[in-house]
């Protein structure tokens, strides 16, 4: 058997979890194998040390739990100095806030901004007026080309009426034959 299995069985024997037949077979195996007997004895000593340490700790915990006193303070008891300090800080903060807010505005009147009416719309310029003014300059020529272009010219292309749906159908046909 491997060492891990022997250590587990030794722990089970020490805890009393094995039945009598299994324990007898384990002791017979240990009698025939001295190395396994050493491993089992080590586990038994570790188990006993652990059990005594646990029992000491729990017995100490039980003693301290019995002697623990109940708090004699009332449930509604409040630390009044800390409440007073917090209230003073809050009042001081409010005082600073009010004085800072009114510091620059005392004794001064604020001016009301009034919008002045804009002049009416200017004369409408036609394309011929713009041509006279901007013709011959780089950006002027670009602007005039955009103004003269008709909306129908914008969408003409040499795609021979190929729609997205036709492209998708063609893609599916090609995919099918791969």
Protein backbone atom coordinates (compact mmCIF):
# COMPACT_ATOMS: atom_id res chain seq x y z
CA UNK A 1 0.00 0.00 0.00
CA UNK A 2 1.01 3.60 -0.50
CA UNK A 3 1.92 5.87 2.38
CA UNK A 4 -1.11 8.13 1.93
CA UNK A 5 -3.53 5.22 2.23
CA UNK A 6 -1.74 3.87 5.33
CA UNK A 7 -1.85 7.32 6.97
CA UNK A 8 -5.58 7.66 6.23
CA UNK A 9 -6.31 4.21 7.65
CA UNK A 10 -4.22 4.98 10.76
CA UNK A 11 -6.22 8.18 11.28
CA UNK A 12 -9.47 6.24 10.91
CA UNK A 13 -8.27 3.62 13.44
CA UNK A 14 -7.35 6.36 15.95
CA UNK A 15 -10.72 8.05 15.49
CA UNK A 16 -12.54 4.73 15.87
CA UNK A 17 -14.20 4.94 12.47
CA UNK A 18 -13.21 1.47 11.21
CA UNK A 19 -15.17 -1.64 12.11
CA UNK A 20 -13.50 -4.49 13.98
CA UNK A 21 -12.77 -6.62 10.90
CA UNK A 22 -11.14 -3.79 8.97
CA UNK A 23 -9.10 -2.79 11.99
CA UNK A 24 -7.91 -6.40 12.45
CA UNK A 25 -6.87 -6.61 8.78
CA UNK A 26 -5.03 -3.30 9.05
CA UNK A 27 -3.14 -4.42 12.20
CA UNK A 28 -2.20 -7.70 10.46
CA UNK A 29 -0.83 -5.75 7.49
CA UNK A 30 1.17 -3.51 9.81
CA UNK A 31 2.66 -6.56 11.59
CA UNK A 32 4.03 -7.84 8.25
CA UNK A 33 5.38 -4.47 6.99
CA UNK A 34 7.67 -2.58 9.39
CA UNK A 35 7.94 0.57 7.23
CA UNK A 36 4.13 0.85 7.08
CA UNK A 37 4.05 0.34 10.88
CA UNK A 38 6.38 3.38 11.31
CA UNK A 39 4.12 5.54 9.13
CA UNK A 40 1.01 4.45 11.02
CA UNK A 41 2.66 5.13 14.41
CA UNK A 42 3.63 8.63 13.27
CA UNK A 43 0.04 9.36 12.23
CA UNK A 44 -1.30 8.00 15.53
CA UNK A 45 1.02 10.26 17.55
CA UNK A 46 0.09 13.29 15.42
CA UNK A 47 -3.60 12.47 15.84
CA UNK A 48 -3.26 12.23 19.62
CA UNK A 49 -1.36 15.53 19.86
CA UNK A 50 -3.99 17.23 17.73
CA UNK A 51 -6.84 15.83 19.84
CA UNK A 52 -5.25 17.03 23.09
CA UNK A 53 -4.60 20.51 21.64
CA UNK A 54 -8.20 20.77 20.44
CA UNK A 55 -9.63 19.59 23.75
CA UNK A 56 -7.46 22.09 25.70
CA UNK A 57 -8.52 24.96 23.47
CA UNK A 58 -12.20 24.09 23.64
CA UNK A 59 -12.07 23.64 27.41
CA UNK A 60 -10.48 27.10 27.77
CA UNK A 61 -13.10 28.57 25.45
CA UNK A 62 -15.88 26.98 27.48
CA UNK A 63 -14.45 28.41 30.72
CA UNK A 64 -14.19 31.93 29.29
CA UNK A 65 -17.70 31.70 27.83
CA UNK A 66 -19.09 30.85 31.27
CA UNK A 67 -17.27 33.72 32.98
CA UNK A 68 -18.10 36.35 30.36
CA UNK A 69 -20.12 39.13 31.90
CA UNK A 70 -23.10 40.78 30.32
CA UNK A 71 -22.66 44.43 29.43
CA UNK A 72 -24.28 46.54 32.12
CA UNK A 73 -24.73 49.56 29.85
CA UNK A 74 -28.19 50.39 28.62
CA UNK A 75 -28.97 49.70 24.99
CA UNK A 76 -30.04 53.28 24.28
CA UNK A 77 -26.87 54.74 25.79
CA UNK A 78 -25.23 57.28 23.50
CA UNK A 79 -21.81 58.91 23.73
CA UNK A 80 -22.98 62.49 24.22
CA UNK A 81 -19.57 64.14 23.79
CA UNK A 82 -19.17 62.64 20.31
CA UNK A 83 -22.74 63.66 19.37
CA UNK A 84 -22.09 67.20 20.59
CA UNK A 85 -18.80 67.36 18.67
CA UNK A 86 -20.54 66.19 15.48
CA UNK A 87 -23.32 68.77 15.92
CA UNK A 88 -20.75 71.54 16.46
CA UNK A 89 -18.87 70.53 13.30
CA UNK A 90 -22.12 70.50 11.33
CA UNK A 91 -23.16 73.94 12.62
CA UNK A 92 -19.70 75.35 11.89
CA UNK A 93 -19.85 73.97 8.33
CA UNK A 94 -23.29 75.51 7.73
CA UNK A 95 -22.06 78.87 9.03
CA UNK A 96 -19.04 78.80 6.72
CA UNK A 97 -21.26 77.82 3.77
CA UNK A 98 -23.69 80.67 4.28
CA UNK A 99 -20.97 83.27 4.72
CA UNK A 100 -19.06 82.07 1.67
CA UNK A 101 -22.22 82.09 -0.44
CA UNK A 102 -23.17 85.67 0.51
CA UNK A 103 -19.65 87.12 0.71
CA UNK A 104 -19.37 88.57 -2.81
CA UNK A 105 -23.02 89.58 -3.31
CA UNK A 106 -23.69 91.82 -0.32
CA UNK A 107 -24.49 95.41 -1.32
CA UNK A 108 -24.22 94.81 -5.04
CA UNK A 109 -27.00 94.58 -7.54
CA UNK A 110 -26.70 92.23 -10.44
CA UNK A 111 -27.17 93.43 -13.97
CA UNK A 112 -29.76 91.82 -16.19
CA UNK A 113 -28.49 90.84 -19.59
CA UNK A 114 -30.76 91.86 -22.42
CA UNK A 115 -30.64 90.53 -25.92
CA UNK A 116 -30.54 93.08 -28.70
CA UNK A 117 -32.61 92.23 -31.74
CA UNK A 118 -30.61 91.12 -34.73
CA UNK A 119 -31.13 92.88 -38.02
CA UNK A 120 -33.47 91.19 -40.49
CA UNK A 121 -32.24 88.65 -42.97
CA UNK A 122 -29.84 89.96 -45.58
CA UNK A 123 -30.40 89.79 -49.28
CA UNK A 124 -30.48 86.29 -50.71
CA UNK A 125 -27.48 85.61 -52.88
CA UNK A 126 -27.92 83.58 -56.00
CA UNK A 127 -25.43 81.25 -57.59
CA UNK A 128 -24.53 83.90 -60.16
CA UNK A 129 -23.71 86.39 -57.37
CA UNK A 130 -21.49 83.78 -55.68
CA UNK A 131 -19.78 82.99 -59.00
CA UNK A 132 -18.83 86.63 -59.44
CA UNK A 133 -17.41 86.87 -55.92
CA UNK A 134 -15.63 83.50 -55.50
CA UNK A 135 -14.78 82.38 -59.04
CA UNK A 136 -11.10 81.67 -59.56
CA UNK A 137 -10.22 80.74 -55.97
CA UNK A 138 -9.59 77.13 -54.99
CA UNK A 139 -12.25 76.82 -52.27
CA UNK A 140 -14.62 79.06 -54.18
CA UNK A 141 -14.51 76.74 -57.19
CA UNK A 142 -15.14 73.72 -54.92
CA UNK A 143 -18.13 75.42 -53.33
CA UNK A 144 -19.58 76.43 -56.69
CA UNK A 145 -19.25 72.87 -58.03
CA UNK A 146 -21.19 71.60 -55.03
CA UNK A 147 -23.88 74.21 -55.51
CA UNK A 148 -24.29 73.51 -59.22
CA UNK A 149 -24.47 69.74 -58.84
CA UNK A 150 -27.91 68.29 -59.15
CA UNK A 151 -29.14 65.63 -56.72
CA UNK A 152 -29.71 63.11 -59.51
CA UNK A 153 -26.03 63.24 -60.49
CA UNK A 154 -24.99 62.30 -57.01
CA UNK A 155 -26.23 58.71 -57.19
CA UNK A 156 -25.33 57.70 -60.73
CA UNK A 157 -22.68 55.04 -61.02
CA UNK A 158 -21.70 52.27 -63.40
CA UNK A 159 -22.88 49.38 -61.25
CA UNK A 160 -25.60 48.24 -63.69
CA UNK A 161 -28.28 48.16 -61.02
CA UNK A 162 -26.54 45.64 -58.75
CA UNK A 163 -28.35 45.62 -55.43
CA UNK A 164 -27.17 44.23 -52.14
CA UNK A 165 -29.73 41.46 -52.35
CA UNK A 166 -28.33 40.34 -55.74
CA UNK A 167 -24.82 40.26 -54.30
CA UNK A 168 -26.03 38.14 -51.39
CA UNK A 169 -27.77 35.66 -53.72
CA UNK A 170 -24.60 35.35 -55.79
CA UNK A 171 -22.57 34.75 -52.61
CA UNK A 172 -24.94 31.98 -51.49
CA UNK A 173 -24.75 30.30 -54.92
CA UNK A 174 -20.96 30.35 -54.87
CA UNK A 175 -20.88 29.07 -51.30
CA UNK A 176 -23.16 26.15 -52.21
CA UNK A 177 -20.76 24.90 -54.90
CA UNK A 178 -17.64 24.98 -52.74
